[in-house]
Amino acid sequence: MALLNPPLGAEDEAEAEQPPRREWLGVGMVAVLTRAFGTTMLLSGVDTAIIATLEETGQAPWAAVVGAGSVIGGLVYGALSRPLPTWFLLGLLGLVTLPVGLAREWPWLCVAVLGTGLLAAPVLSALADAVTRLAPAGVRGEATGLQSSAQSAGFALGSPIAGVAVDVSVPASDFAAAGLAGLATALTGYLLCRRRPSPRAPASIRHDPTNTTDAGVL
């Protein structure tokens, strides 16, 4: 996606120019990519923790039942008229993930992980929306490719890190590690967005409300 950079804008944006990266790959975009990395790292860790917890208690066949709330969360979030900030959604996702490890039986694990499931799709949707808003039409293919790479890196690192947490401790610590990873990247992205845009950025980006912390999407 980053190399081919296919057109992802509307028809009237098909002939949009491709601005230099320094004009759009700024602090706001880096913050969103950081959160994309943290989100998939958290979700990958949660998947590993669920399997480890159920295997430890001899309830592995119930793994497919646990965590079925993502579809519901995506539908509810899609019905909202105004997007929520990505840092807020990711931070909330991290918070509700922290105590999941306290559940030991699969019915309680279903209840405990419901918050994580409900927030997973909204966070991913909000991140995709933020990337689209921050990237000019001429470079949305490249920006989407960067987002995909950030999320793939999170998935790739999340599982082995979660596995190490399980090996050195108990499965419950895996949920805590995943939640802390989500909180850390949410805070990092928020602090990055607190910085003012570069004065070299064009007015269309510098004054774009989606590039500030009070925008509602970052």
N, C-alpha and C. Protein backbone atom coordinates (compact mmCIF):
# COMPACT_ATOMS: atom_id res chain seq x y z
N MET A 1 0.84 -1.21 0.00
CA MET A 1 0.00 0.00 0.00
C MET A 1 0.87 1.25 0.00
N ALA A 2 1.93 1.27 0.83
CA ALA A 2 2.78 2.45 0.92
C ALA A 2 3.52 2.69 -0.39
N LEU A 3 3.93 1.61 -1.06
CA LEU A 3 4.70 1.76 -2.30
C LEU A 3 3.81 2.12 -3.47
N LEU A 4 2.67 1.45 -3.62
CA LEU A 4 1.78 1.70 -4.76
C LEU A 4 0.97 2.96 -4.58
N ASN A 5 0.65 3.32 -3.32
CA ASN A 5 -0.10 4.54 -3.02
C ASN A 5 -1.34 4.68 -3.87
N PRO A 6 -2.28 3.73 -3.80
CA PRO A 6 -3.48 3.82 -4.64
C PRO A 6 -4.36 4.98 -4.20
N PRO A 7 -5.15 5.55 -5.12
CA PRO A 7 -6.03 6.67 -4.75
C PRO A 7 -7.13 6.21 -3.82
N LEU A 8 -7.29 6.90 -2.70
CA LEU A 8 -8.30 6.55 -1.71
C LEU A 8 -9.24 7.70 -1.41
N GLY A 9 -9.19 8.75 -2.21
CA GLY A 9 -10.05 9.90 -1.98
C GLY A 9 -11.31 9.83 -2.81
N ALA A 10 -12.11 10.89 -2.74
CA ALA A 10 -13.32 10.98 -3.54
C ALA A 10 -12.95 11.25 -4.99
N GLU A 11 -13.96 11.20 -5.88
CA GLU A 11 -13.68 11.40 -7.31
C GLU A 11 -13.08 12.77 -7.59
N ASP A 12 -13.55 13.79 -6.85
CA ASP A 12 -13.02 15.12 -7.10
C ASP A 12 -11.63 15.30 -6.50
N GLU A 13 -11.12 14.27 -5.81
CA GLU A 13 -9.77 14.33 -5.25
C GLU A 13 -8.80 13.46 -6.02
N ALA A 14 -9.26 12.88 -7.13
CA ALA A 14 -8.44 11.91 -7.86
C ALA A 14 -7.15 12.53 -8.38
N GLU A 15 -7.20 13.82 -8.75
CA GLU A 15 -6.03 14.48 -9.30
C GLU A 15 -5.28 15.29 -8.25
N ALA A 16 -5.49 14.97 -6.99
CA ALA A 16 -4.84 15.72 -5.92
C ALA A 16 -3.33 15.52 -5.98
N GLU A 17 -2.61 16.58 -5.67
CA GLU A 17 -1.15 16.52 -5.67
C GLU A 17 -0.66 15.74 -4.45
N GLN A 18 0.57 15.25 -4.57
CA GLN A 18 1.18 14.53 -3.47
C GLN A 18 2.15 15.47 -2.75
N PRO A 19 1.76 15.98 -1.60
CA PRO A 19 2.64 16.90 -0.87
C PRO A 19 3.83 16.16 -0.28
N PRO A 20 4.91 16.85 0.02
CA PRO A 20 6.06 16.21 0.65
C PRO A 20 5.68 15.61 2.00
N ARG A 21 6.40 14.57 2.39
CA ARG A 21 6.07 13.90 3.65
C ARG A 21 6.18 14.83 4.85
N ARG A 22 7.09 15.77 4.80
CA ARG A 22 7.27 16.66 5.96
C ARG A 22 6.03 17.51 6.22
N GLU A 23 5.14 17.60 5.22
CA GLU A 23 3.94 18.40 5.39
C GLU A 23 2.78 17.64 6.01
N TRP A 24 2.81 16.31 5.96
CA TRP A 24 1.69 15.55 6.52
C TRP A 24 2.13 14.48 7.52
N LEU A 25 3.37 14.02 7.42
CA LEU A 25 3.86 13.02 8.36
C LEU A 25 4.46 13.75 9.57
N GLY A 26 3.60 14.47 10.27
CA GLY A 26 4.03 15.26 11.40
C GLY A 26 3.68 14.61 12.73
N VAL A 27 3.65 15.43 13.75
CA VAL A 27 3.43 14.94 15.11
C VAL A 27 2.07 14.24 15.23
N GLY A 28 1.03 14.83 14.63
CA GLY A 28 -0.30 14.24 14.73
C GLY A 28 -0.36 12.85 14.13
N MET A 29 0.23 12.68 12.94
CA MET A 29 0.22 11.37 12.29
C MET A 29 1.06 10.37 13.06
N VAL A 30 2.22 10.80 13.55
CA VAL A 30 3.07 9.90 14.34
C VAL A 30 2.33 9.45 15.60
N ALA A 31 1.57 10.36 16.21
CA ALA A 31 0.80 10.00 17.40
C ALA A 31 -0.24 8.93 17.07
N VAL A 32 -0.93 9.07 15.94
CA VAL A 32 -1.93 8.09 15.55
C VAL A 32 -1.27 6.74 15.24
N LEU A 33 -0.14 6.76 14.56
CA LEU A 33 0.56 5.51 14.26
C LEU A 33 1.05 4.83 15.53
N THR A 34 1.47 5.62 16.51
CA THR A 34 1.89 5.06 17.80
C THR A 34 0.72 4.36 18.47
N ARG A 35 -0.46 4.98 18.43
CA ARG A 35 -1.63 4.35 19.03
C ARG A 35 -2.06 3.11 18.26
N ALA A 36 -1.91 3.13 16.94
CA ALA A 36 -2.24 1.94 16.15
C ALA A 36 -1.35 0.77 16.56
N PHE A 37 -0.07 1.05 16.77
CA PHE A 37 0.86 0.03 17.23
C PHE A 37 0.46 -0.49 18.61
N GLY A 38 0.14 0.42 19.52
CA GLY A 38 -0.22 0.03 20.87
C GLY A 38 -1.52 -0.75 20.93
N THR A 39 -2.48 -0.39 20.07
CA THR A 39 -3.77 -1.07 20.08
C THR A 39 -3.64 -2.53 19.70
N THR A 40 -2.96 -2.80 18.60
CA THR A 40 -2.82 -4.20 18.18
C THR A 40 -1.89 -4.98 19.10
N MET A 41 -0.93 -4.30 19.70
CA MET A 41 -0.08 -4.97 20.68
C MET A 41 -0.92 -5.43 21.88
N LEU A 42 -1.85 -4.56 22.31
CA LEU A 42 -2.74 -4.91 23.41
C LEU A 42 -3.65 -6.08 23.02
N LEU A 43 -4.28 -5.98 21.86
CA LEU A 43 -5.23 -7.02 21.44
C LEU A 43 -4.53 -8.36 21.24
N SER A 44 -3.33 -8.33 20.70
CA SER A 44 -2.58 -9.56 20.52
C SER A 44 -2.23 -10.18 21.87
N GLY A 45 -1.85 -9.34 22.83
CA GLY A 45 -1.56 -9.84 24.16
C GLY A 45 -2.78 -10.42 24.85
N VAL A 46 -3.93 -9.79 24.65
CA VAL A 46 -5.17 -10.29 25.24
C VAL A 46 -5.53 -11.67 24.67
N ASP A 47 -5.38 -11.84 23.36
CA ASP A 47 -5.66 -13.14 22.75
C ASP A 47 -4.79 -14.23 23.38
N THR A 48 -3.51 -13.93 23.52
CA THR A 48 -2.60 -14.91 24.12
C THR A 48 -2.98 -15.20 25.57
N ALA A 49 -3.34 -14.16 26.31
CA ALA A 49 -3.71 -14.32 27.71
C ALA A 49 -4.98 -15.14 27.88
N ILE A 50 -5.96 -14.94 27.01
CA ILE A 50 -7.21 -15.71 27.10
C ILE A 50 -6.93 -17.20 26.92
N ILE A 51 -6.15 -17.51 25.91
CA ILE A 51 -5.84 -18.93 25.65
C ILE A 51 -5.05 -19.52 26.81
N ALA A 52 -4.06 -18.77 27.32
CA ALA A 52 -3.25 -19.28 28.42
C ALA A 52 -4.08 -19.48 29.68
N THR A 53 -5.00 -18.56 29.95
CA THR A 53 -5.85 -18.68 31.14
C THR A 53 -6.76 -19.89 31.05
N LEU A 54 -7.39 -20.09 29.90
CA LEU A 54 -8.31 -21.21 29.74
C LEU A 54 -7.57 -22.54 29.72
N GLU A 55 -6.38 -22.58 29.13
CA GLU A 55 -5.60 -23.82 29.13
C GLU A 55 -5.17 -24.18 30.54
N GLU A 56 -4.82 -23.19 31.34
CA GLU A 56 -4.38 -23.46 32.71
C GLU A 56 -5.49 -24.07 33.55
N THR A 57 -6.73 -23.68 33.25
CA THR A 57 -7.87 -24.20 34.02
C THR A 57 -8.60 -25.32 33.30
N GLY A 58 -8.02 -25.82 32.18
CA GLY A 58 -8.64 -26.92 31.46
C GLY A 58 -9.91 -26.56 30.75
N GLN A 59 -10.05 -25.30 30.32
CA GLN A 59 -11.28 -24.84 29.66
C GLN A 59 -11.00 -24.28 28.27
N ALA A 60 -9.94 -24.75 27.64
CA ALA A 60 -9.52 -24.22 26.34
C ALA A 60 -10.61 -24.24 25.28
N PRO A 61 -11.51 -25.27 25.23
CA PRO A 61 -12.54 -25.28 24.18
C PRO A 61 -13.46 -24.06 24.20
N TRP A 62 -13.52 -23.35 25.33
CA TRP A 62 -14.39 -22.18 25.43
C TRP A 62 -13.74 -20.91 24.89
N ALA A 63 -12.54 -21.02 24.34
CA ALA A 63 -11.82 -19.83 23.88
C ALA A 63 -12.59 -19.08 22.79
N ALA A 64 -13.33 -19.82 21.95
CA ALA A 64 -14.06 -19.17 20.86
C ALA A 64 -15.24 -18.35 21.37
N VAL A 65 -15.73 -18.67 22.57
CA VAL A 65 -16.88 -17.96 23.10
C VAL A 65 -16.48 -16.64 23.75
N VAL A 66 -15.28 -16.63 24.33
CA VAL A 66 -14.82 -15.46 25.07
C VAL A 66 -14.47 -14.34 24.09
N GLY A 67 -14.88 -13.14 24.40
CA GLY A 67 -14.50 -11.98 23.61
C GLY A 67 -15.31 -11.79 22.35
N ALA A 68 -16.62 -12.02 22.41
CA ALA A 68 -17.47 -11.88 21.23
C ALA A 68 -18.13 -10.51 21.13
N GLY A 69 -17.70 -9.56 21.95
CA GLY A 69 -18.37 -8.26 21.98
C GLY A 69 -17.87 -7.25 20.98
N SER A 70 -16.85 -7.59 20.19
CA SER A 70 -16.26 -6.60 19.29
C SER A 70 -17.24 -6.12 18.23
N VAL A 71 -18.05 -7.04 17.69
CA VAL A 71 -19.01 -6.66 16.65
C VAL A 71 -20.01 -5.66 17.21
N ILE A 72 -20.50 -5.91 18.42
CA ILE A 72 -21.46 -4.99 19.04
C ILE A 72 -20.84 -3.62 19.24
N GLY A 73 -19.61 -3.60 19.74
CA GLY A 73 -18.93 -2.33 19.94
C GLY A 73 -18.75 -1.55 18.66
N GLY A 74 -18.42 -2.24 17.57
CA GLY A 74 -18.26 -1.57 16.29
C GLY A 74 -19.55 -0.96 15.79
N LEU A 75 -20.67 -1.68 15.95
CA LEU A 75 -21.97 -1.17 15.51
C LEU A 75 -22.39 0.05 16.33
N VAL A 76 -22.17 -0.01 17.64
CA VAL A 76 -22.55 1.12 18.50
C VAL A 76 -21.71 2.34 18.16
N TYR A 77 -20.40 2.14 17.99
CA TYR A 77 -19.53 3.27 17.69
C TYR A 77 -19.86 3.87 16.33
N GLY A 78 -20.19 3.00 15.37
CA GLY A 78 -20.53 3.49 14.04
C GLY A 78 -21.79 4.34 14.02
N ALA A 79 -22.65 4.14 15.01
CA ALA A 79 -23.89 4.92 15.07
C ALA A 79 -23.70 6.29 15.70
N LEU A 80 -22.54 6.54 16.30
CA LEU A 80 -22.29 7.84 16.92
C LEU A 80 -22.16 8.92 15.86
N SER A 81 -22.69 10.09 16.15
CA SER A 81 -22.63 11.19 15.19
C SER A 81 -21.29 11.90 15.21
N ARG A 82 -20.53 11.74 16.27
CA ARG A 82 -19.25 12.42 16.39
C ARG A 82 -18.20 11.46 16.93
N PRO A 83 -17.04 11.36 16.28
CA PRO A 83 -16.03 10.41 16.74
C PRO A 83 -15.42 10.84 18.07
N LEU A 84 -15.00 9.85 18.85
CA LEU A 84 -14.31 10.11 20.11
C LEU A 84 -12.81 10.15 19.87
N PRO A 85 -12.06 10.86 20.71
CA PRO A 85 -10.60 10.93 20.54
C PRO A 85 -9.96 9.55 20.62
N THR A 86 -9.00 9.29 19.77
CA THR A 86 -8.36 7.97 19.77
C THR A 86 -7.58 7.73 21.06
N TRP A 87 -6.97 8.78 21.62
CA TRP A 87 -6.22 8.58 22.86
C TRP A 87 -7.16 8.19 24.00
N PHE A 88 -8.37 8.75 24.01
CA PHE A 88 -9.33 8.42 25.05
C PHE A 88 -9.81 6.97 24.91
N LEU A 89 -10.13 6.56 23.68
CA LEU A 89 -10.61 5.20 23.45
C LEU A 89 -9.54 4.17 23.80
N LEU A 90 -8.29 4.43 23.38
CA LEU A 90 -7.21 3.49 23.66
C LEU A 90 -6.91 3.44 25.16
N GLY A 91 -6.92 4.61 25.82
CA GLY A 91 -6.70 4.63 27.26
C GLY A 91 -7.78 3.86 28.00
N LEU A 92 -9.03 4.03 27.56
CA LEU A 92 -10.13 3.30 28.19
C LEU A 92 -10.00 1.80 27.93
N LEU A 93 -9.56 1.44 26.73
CA LEU A 93 -9.33 0.03 26.41
C LEU A 93 -8.27 -0.57 27.33
N GLY A 94 -7.21 0.19 27.57
CA GLY A 94 -6.18 -0.29 28.48
C GLY A 94 -6.68 -0.46 29.90
N LEU A 95 -7.49 0.48 30.35
CA LEU A 95 -8.01 0.43 31.72
C LEU A 95 -8.91 -0.79 31.95
N VAL A 96 -9.83 -1.04 30.99
CA VAL A 96 -10.76 -2.16 31.19
C VAL A 96 -10.07 -3.51 31.01
N THR A 97 -8.88 -3.51 30.41
CA THR A 97 -8.15 -4.76 30.21
C THR A 97 -7.36 -5.15 31.46
N LEU A 98 -6.92 -4.18 32.24
CA LEU A 98 -6.07 -4.46 33.40
C LEU A 98 -6.64 -5.52 34.34
N PRO A 99 -7.91 -5.44 34.75
CA PRO A 99 -8.41 -6.40 35.76
C PRO A 99 -8.96 -7.70 35.19
N VAL A 100 -8.88 -7.91 33.88
CA VAL A 100 -9.49 -9.10 33.29
C VAL A 100 -8.89 -10.38 33.86
N GLY A 101 -7.59 -10.34 34.18
CA GLY A 101 -6.92 -11.54 34.67
C GLY A 101 -7.44 -12.06 36.00
N LEU A 102 -8.25 -11.27 36.69
CA LEU A 102 -8.81 -11.73 37.96
C LEU A 102 -9.86 -12.83 37.76
N ALA A 103 -10.43 -12.92 36.56
CA ALA A 103 -11.42 -13.96 36.26
C ALA A 103 -10.70 -15.26 35.94
N ARG A 104 -11.13 -16.36 36.56
CA ARG A 104 -10.48 -17.65 36.38
C ARG A 104 -11.35 -18.67 35.63
N GLU A 105 -12.66 -18.56 35.71
CA GLU A 105 -13.56 -19.47 35.02
C GLU A 105 -14.07 -18.81 33.75
N TRP A 106 -14.37 -19.63 32.73
CA TRP A 106 -14.71 -19.05 31.43
C TRP A 106 -15.96 -18.16 31.46
N PRO A 107 -17.01 -18.45 32.25
CA PRO A 107 -18.15 -17.52 32.25
C PRO A 107 -17.77 -16.13 32.77
N TRP A 108 -16.97 -16.11 33.84
CA TRP A 108 -16.54 -14.81 34.38
C TRP A 108 -15.54 -14.13 33.46
N LEU A 109 -14.73 -14.93 32.77
CA LEU A 109 -13.79 -14.35 31.82
C LEU A 109 -14.54 -13.69 30.67
N CYS A 110 -15.66 -14.29 30.24
CA CYS A 110 -16.49 -13.67 29.21
C CYS A 110 -16.99 -12.31 29.65
N VAL A 111 -17.41 -12.24 30.92
CA VAL A 111 -17.90 -10.96 31.45
C VAL A 111 -16.77 -9.95 31.58
N ALA A 112 -15.62 -10.41 32.10
CA ALA A 112 -14.50 -9.50 32.35
C ALA A 112 -13.92 -8.92 31.06
N VAL A 113 -13.89 -9.74 30.01
CA VAL A 113 -13.28 -9.30 28.77
C VAL A 113 -14.27 -8.58 27.86
N LEU A 114 -15.52 -8.45 28.31
CA LEU A 114 -16.54 -7.81 27.48
C LEU A 114 -16.16 -6.37 27.15
N GLY A 115 -15.64 -5.64 28.14
CA GLY A 115 -15.24 -4.26 27.88
C GLY A 115 -14.16 -4.15 26.82
N THR A 116 -13.19 -5.06 26.88
CA THR A 116 -12.13 -5.07 25.86
C THR A 116 -12.71 -5.34 24.49
N GLY A 117 -13.62 -6.31 24.43
CA GLY A 117 -14.24 -6.63 23.14
C GLY A 117 -15.07 -5.49 22.58
N LEU A 118 -15.81 -4.83 23.45
CA LEU A 118 -16.66 -3.72 23.01
C LEU A 118 -15.85 -2.55 22.48
N LEU A 119 -14.65 -2.34 23.03
CA LEU A 119 -13.84 -1.18 22.64
C LEU A 119 -12.87 -1.47 21.50
N ALA A 120 -12.63 -2.74 21.18
CA ALA A 120 -11.62 -3.08 20.18
C ALA A 120 -11.95 -2.48 18.81
N ALA A 121 -13.14 -2.75 18.30
CA ALA A 121 -13.52 -2.23 16.98
C ALA A 121 -13.61 -0.71 16.96
N PRO A 122 -14.19 -0.05 17.98
CA PRO A 122 -14.21 1.41 17.97
C PRO A 122 -12.82 2.04 17.92
N VAL A 123 -11.85 1.47 18.64
CA VAL A 123 -10.50 2.04 18.61
C VAL A 123 -9.91 1.91 17.21
N LEU A 124 -10.03 0.73 16.61
CA LEU A 124 -9.48 0.53 15.27
C LEU A 124 -10.16 1.42 14.24
N SER A 125 -11.48 1.59 14.37
CA SER A 125 -12.21 2.46 13.45
C SER A 125 -11.79 3.92 13.62
N ALA A 126 -11.63 4.36 14.86
CA ALA A 126 -11.23 5.73 15.12
C ALA A 126 -9.84 6.01 14.59
N LEU A 127 -8.95 5.04 14.70
CA LEU A 127 -7.58 5.21 14.18
C LEU A 127 -7.59 5.35 12.66
N ALA A 128 -8.38 4.49 12.00
CA ALA A 128 -8.47 4.58 10.53
C ALA A 128 -9.05 5.92 10.11
N ASP A 129 -10.05 6.40 10.84
CA ASP A 129 -10.66 7.69 10.53
C ASP A 129 -9.66 8.83 10.73
N ALA A 130 -8.87 8.75 11.79
CA ALA A 130 -7.88 9.80 12.06
C ALA A 130 -6.81 9.84 10.98
N VAL A 131 -6.35 8.67 10.52
CA VAL A 131 -5.35 8.64 9.45
C VAL A 131 -5.91 9.26 8.18
N THR A 132 -7.17 8.94 7.84
CA THR A 132 -7.79 9.49 6.65
C THR A 132 -7.92 11.00 6.74
N ARG A 133 -8.26 11.51 7.92
CA ARG A 133 -8.43 12.95 8.08
C ARG A 133 -7.10 13.70 8.02
N LEU A 134 -6.05 13.09 8.56
CA LEU A 134 -4.76 13.77 8.61
C LEU A 134 -3.98 13.71 7.30
N ALA A 135 -4.23 12.68 6.50
CA ALA A 135 -3.48 12.51 5.25
C ALA A 135 -4.20 13.21 4.11
N PRO A 136 -3.52 14.08 3.36
CA PRO A 136 -4.12 14.66 2.17
C PRO A 136 -4.51 13.57 1.17
N ALA A 137 -5.43 13.88 0.28
CA ALA A 137 -5.96 12.88 -0.65
C ALA A 137 -4.87 12.22 -1.47
N GLY A 138 -3.84 12.97 -1.84
CA GLY A 138 -2.81 12.43 -2.72
C GLY A 138 -1.89 11.43 -2.07
N VAL A 139 -1.92 11.30 -0.76
CA VAL A 139 -1.00 10.39 -0.08
C VAL A 139 -1.73 9.44 0.87
N ARG A 140 -3.04 9.29 0.72
CA ARG A 140 -3.77 8.44 1.65
C ARG A 140 -3.39 6.97 1.51
N GLY A 141 -3.02 6.55 0.33
CA GLY A 141 -2.57 5.18 0.16
C GLY A 141 -1.32 4.91 0.97
N GLU A 142 -0.36 5.82 0.91
CA GLU A 142 0.87 5.67 1.68
C GLU A 142 0.58 5.73 3.18
N ALA A 143 -0.28 6.66 3.58
CA ALA A 143 -0.61 6.79 5.00
C ALA A 143 -1.31 5.54 5.52
N THR A 144 -2.21 4.98 4.71
CA THR A 144 -2.88 3.75 5.11
C THR A 144 -1.89 2.60 5.21
N GLY A 145 -0.91 2.57 4.31
CA GLY A 145 0.13 1.55 4.39
C GLY A 145 0.96 1.66 5.66
N LEU A 146 1.25 2.90 6.07
CA LEU A 146 1.98 3.10 7.32
C LEU A 146 1.16 2.63 8.52
N GLN A 147 -0.13 2.92 8.48
CA GLN A 147 -1.00 2.46 9.56
C GLN A 147 -1.03 0.94 9.62
N SER A 148 -1.15 0.30 8.48
CA SER A 148 -1.16 -1.16 8.43
C SER A 148 0.15 -1.74 8.97
N SER A 149 1.27 -1.10 8.62
CA SER A 149 2.57 -1.57 9.11
C SER A 149 2.69 -1.42 10.62
N ALA A 150 2.19 -0.28 11.13
CA ALA A 150 2.23 -0.06 12.58
C ALA A 150 1.41 -1.11 13.31
N GLN A 151 0.22 -1.42 12.78
CA GLN A 151 -0.63 -2.41 13.42
C GLN A 151 -0.04 -3.82 13.30
N SER A 152 0.57 -4.11 12.16
CA SER A 152 1.20 -5.42 12.00
C SER A 152 2.36 -5.59 12.97
N ALA A 153 3.12 -4.51 13.18
CA ALA A 153 4.22 -4.56 14.14
C ALA A 153 3.70 -4.81 15.55
N GLY A 154 2.57 -4.20 15.88
CA GLY A 154 1.98 -4.42 17.19
C GLY A 154 1.55 -5.86 17.38
N PHE A 155 0.91 -6.44 16.35
CA PHE A 155 0.52 -7.84 16.43
C PHE A 155 1.74 -8.75 16.56
N ALA A 156 2.80 -8.42 15.79
CA ALA A 156 3.99 -9.27 15.79
C ALA A 156 4.70 -9.27 17.14
N LEU A 157 4.71 -8.12 17.82
CA LEU A 157 5.42 -8.01 19.09
C LEU A 157 4.55 -8.36 20.28
N GLY A 158 3.25 -8.15 20.15
CA GLY A 158 2.35 -8.36 21.29
C GLY A 158 2.33 -9.78 21.78
N SER A 159 2.23 -10.75 20.88
CA SER A 159 2.12 -12.15 21.29
C SER A 159 3.37 -12.66 22.00
N PRO A 160 4.59 -12.45 21.45
CA PRO A 160 5.76 -12.95 22.17
C PRO A 160 5.98 -12.26 23.51
N ILE A 161 5.70 -10.96 23.59
CA ILE A 161 5.85 -10.26 24.86
C ILE A 161 4.85 -10.81 25.88
N ALA A 162 3.62 -11.05 25.42
CA ALA A 162 2.62 -11.64 26.30
C ALA A 162 3.02 -13.05 26.72
N GLY A 163 3.61 -13.79 25.80
CA GLY A 163 4.06 -15.14 26.13
C GLY A 163 5.14 -15.14 27.19
N VAL A 164 6.05 -14.18 27.12
CA VAL A 164 7.09 -14.06 28.14
C VAL A 164 6.46 -13.76 29.50
N ALA A 165 5.45 -12.85 29.50
CA ALA A 165 4.77 -12.51 30.75
C ALA A 165 4.10 -13.74 31.36
N VAL A 166 3.52 -14.60 30.52
CA VAL A 166 2.89 -15.82 31.01
C VAL A 166 3.92 -16.78 31.58
N ASP A 167 5.07 -16.91 30.88
CA ASP A 167 6.09 -17.86 31.31
C ASP A 167 6.73 -17.47 32.65
N VAL A 168 6.94 -16.18 32.86
CA VAL A 168 7.63 -15.75 34.07
C VAL A 168 6.67 -15.52 35.23
N SER A 169 5.37 -15.50 34.95
CA SER A 169 4.42 -15.25 36.02
C SER A 169 3.19 -16.12 35.81
N VAL A 170 2.01 -15.53 35.85
CA VAL A 170 0.75 -16.24 35.66
C VAL A 170 0.00 -15.57 34.52
N PRO A 171 -0.97 -16.25 33.88
CA PRO A 171 -1.72 -15.63 32.79
C PRO A 171 -2.35 -14.30 33.15
N ALA A 172 -2.74 -14.12 34.41
CA ALA A 172 -3.35 -12.85 34.81
C ALA A 172 -2.44 -11.68 34.58
N SER A 173 -1.12 -11.90 34.73
CA SER A 173 -0.17 -10.81 34.52
C SER A 173 -0.12 -10.39 33.06
N ASP A 174 -0.50 -11.29 32.16
CA ASP A 174 -0.52 -10.98 30.74
C ASP A 174 -1.55 -9.91 30.43
N PHE A 175 -2.73 -10.02 31.04
CA PHE A 175 -3.76 -9.00 30.83
C PHE A 175 -3.28 -7.64 31.37
N ALA A 176 -2.62 -7.67 32.51
CA ALA A 176 -2.10 -6.43 33.09
C ALA A 176 -1.05 -5.81 32.18
N ALA A 177 -0.16 -6.65 31.63
CA ALA A 177 0.89 -6.15 30.73
C ALA A 177 0.27 -5.55 29.47
N ALA A 178 -0.75 -6.22 28.91
CA ALA A 178 -1.41 -5.71 27.71
C ALA A 178 -2.10 -4.39 28.00
N GLY A 179 -2.79 -4.31 29.15
CA GLY A 179 -3.47 -3.06 29.50
C GLY A 179 -2.49 -1.92 29.71
N LEU A 180 -1.37 -2.19 30.36
CA LEU A 180 -0.36 -1.16 30.58
C LEU A 180 0.26 -0.70 29.25
N ALA A 181 0.43 -1.63 28.32
CA ALA A 181 0.96 -1.26 27.00
C ALA A 181 0.01 -0.31 26.29
N GLY A 182 -1.30 -0.60 26.40
CA GLY A 182 -2.29 0.30 25.80
C GLY A 182 -2.29 1.67 26.45
N LEU A 183 -2.22 1.70 27.76
CA LEU A 183 -2.19 2.99 28.47
C LEU A 183 -0.94 3.78 28.12
N ALA A 184 0.20 3.10 28.02
CA ALA A 184 1.46 3.78 27.73
C ALA A 184 1.44 4.42 26.34
N THR A 185 0.95 3.69 25.35
CA THR A 185 0.92 4.25 23.99
C THR A 185 -0.15 5.33 23.86
N ALA A 186 -1.26 5.19 24.59
CA ALA A 186 -2.27 6.25 24.58
C ALA A 186 -1.69 7.53 25.17
N LEU A 187 -0.97 7.41 26.27
CA LEU A 187 -0.36 8.59 26.90
C LEU A 187 0.71 9.19 26.00
N THR A 188 1.52 8.31 25.38
CA THR A 188 2.56 8.81 24.47
C THR A 188 1.95 9.59 23.31
N GLY A 189 0.91 9.02 22.71
CA GLY A 189 0.25 9.71 21.61
C GLY A 189 -0.37 11.01 22.04
N TYR A 190 -0.95 11.03 23.24
CA TYR A 190 -1.56 12.26 23.75
C TYR A 190 -0.51 13.35 23.95
N LEU A 191 0.63 12.97 24.54
CA LEU A 191 1.69 13.95 24.77
C LEU A 191 2.27 14.47 23.47
N LEU A 192 2.36 13.59 22.47
CA LEU A 192 2.84 14.04 21.16
C LEU A 192 1.91 15.08 20.57
N CYS A 193 0.59 14.88 20.73
CA CYS A 193 -0.37 15.81 20.17
C CYS A 193 -0.42 17.13 20.93
N ARG A 194 0.14 17.15 22.13
CA ARG A 194 0.19 18.40 22.88
C ARG A 194 1.17 19.39 22.25
N ARG A 195 2.09 18.85 21.45
CA ARG A 195 3.04 19.72 20.78
C ARG A 195 2.34 20.48 19.66
N ARG A 196 2.79 21.71 19.42
CA ARG A 196 2.20 22.51 18.34
C ARG A 196 2.72 22.01 16.99
N PRO A 197 1.89 22.14 15.92
CA PRO A 197 2.32 21.73 14.59
C PRO A 197 3.53 22.55 14.14
N SER A 198 4.32 21.93 13.28
CA SER A 198 5.48 22.63 12.74
C SER A 198 5.05 23.85 11.95
N PRO A 199 5.76 24.99 12.10
CA PRO A 199 5.38 26.18 11.36
C PRO A 199 5.58 26.05 9.87
N ARG A 200 6.33 25.00 9.44
CA ARG A 200 6.55 24.82 8.00
C ARG A 200 5.38 24.12 7.33
N ALA A 201 4.47 23.58 8.12
CA ALA A 201 3.33 22.88 7.53
C ALA A 201 2.40 23.86 6.86
N PRO A 202 1.75 23.50 5.75
CA PRO A 202 0.84 24.39 5.05
C PRO A 202 -0.37 24.70 5.91
N ALA A 203 -1.05 25.78 5.59
CA ALA A 203 -2.18 26.23 6.39
C ALA A 203 -3.27 25.19 6.46
N SER A 204 -3.47 24.41 5.36
CA SER A 204 -4.54 23.42 5.33
C SER A 204 -4.33 22.34 6.37
N ILE A 205 -3.06 22.06 6.73
CA ILE A 205 -2.76 21.06 7.74
C ILE A 205 -2.57 21.72 9.09
N ARG A 206 -1.92 22.89 9.11
CA ARG A 206 -1.61 23.54 10.37
C ARG A 206 -2.87 23.93 11.12
N HIS A 207 -3.91 24.32 10.39
CA HIS A 207 -5.14 24.75 11.02
C HIS A 207 -6.23 23.69 10.98
N ASP A 208 -5.88 22.50 10.51
CA ASP A 208 -6.85 21.43 10.47
C ASP A 208 -7.20 21.03 11.90
N PRO A 209 -8.48 21.09 12.29
CA PRO A 209 -8.85 20.77 13.66
C PRO A 209 -8.55 19.33 14.05
N THR A 210 -8.39 18.44 13.06
CA THR A 210 -8.08 17.05 13.42
C THR A 210 -6.64 16.89 13.81
N ASN A 211 -5.83 17.92 13.71
CA ASN A 211 -4.42 17.82 14.06
C ASN A 211 -4.15 18.38 15.43
N THR A 212 -5.17 18.54 16.26
CA THR A 212 -4.99 19.08 17.60
C THR A 212 -5.69 18.17 18.60
N THR A 213 -5.36 18.38 19.87
CA THR A 213 -5.90 17.51 20.89
C THR A 213 -7.37 17.80 21.17
N ASP A 214 -7.89 18.96 20.77
CA ASP A 214 -9.29 19.27 21.05
C ASP A 214 -10.18 18.98 19.85
N ALA A 215 -9.66 18.19 18.90
CA ALA A 215 -10.40 17.94 17.67
C ALA A 215 -11.50 16.91 17.84
N GLY A 216 -11.27 15.90 18.65
CA GLY A 216 -12.24 14.84 18.80
C GLY A 216 -11.87 13.56 18.12
N VAL A 217 -10.85 13.57 17.25
CA VAL A 217 -10.44 12.33 16.59
C VAL A 217 -9.05 11.91 17.00
N LEU A 218 -8.23 12.79 17.53
CA LEU A 218 -6.90 12.42 17.96
C LEU A 218 -6.84 12.20 19.46
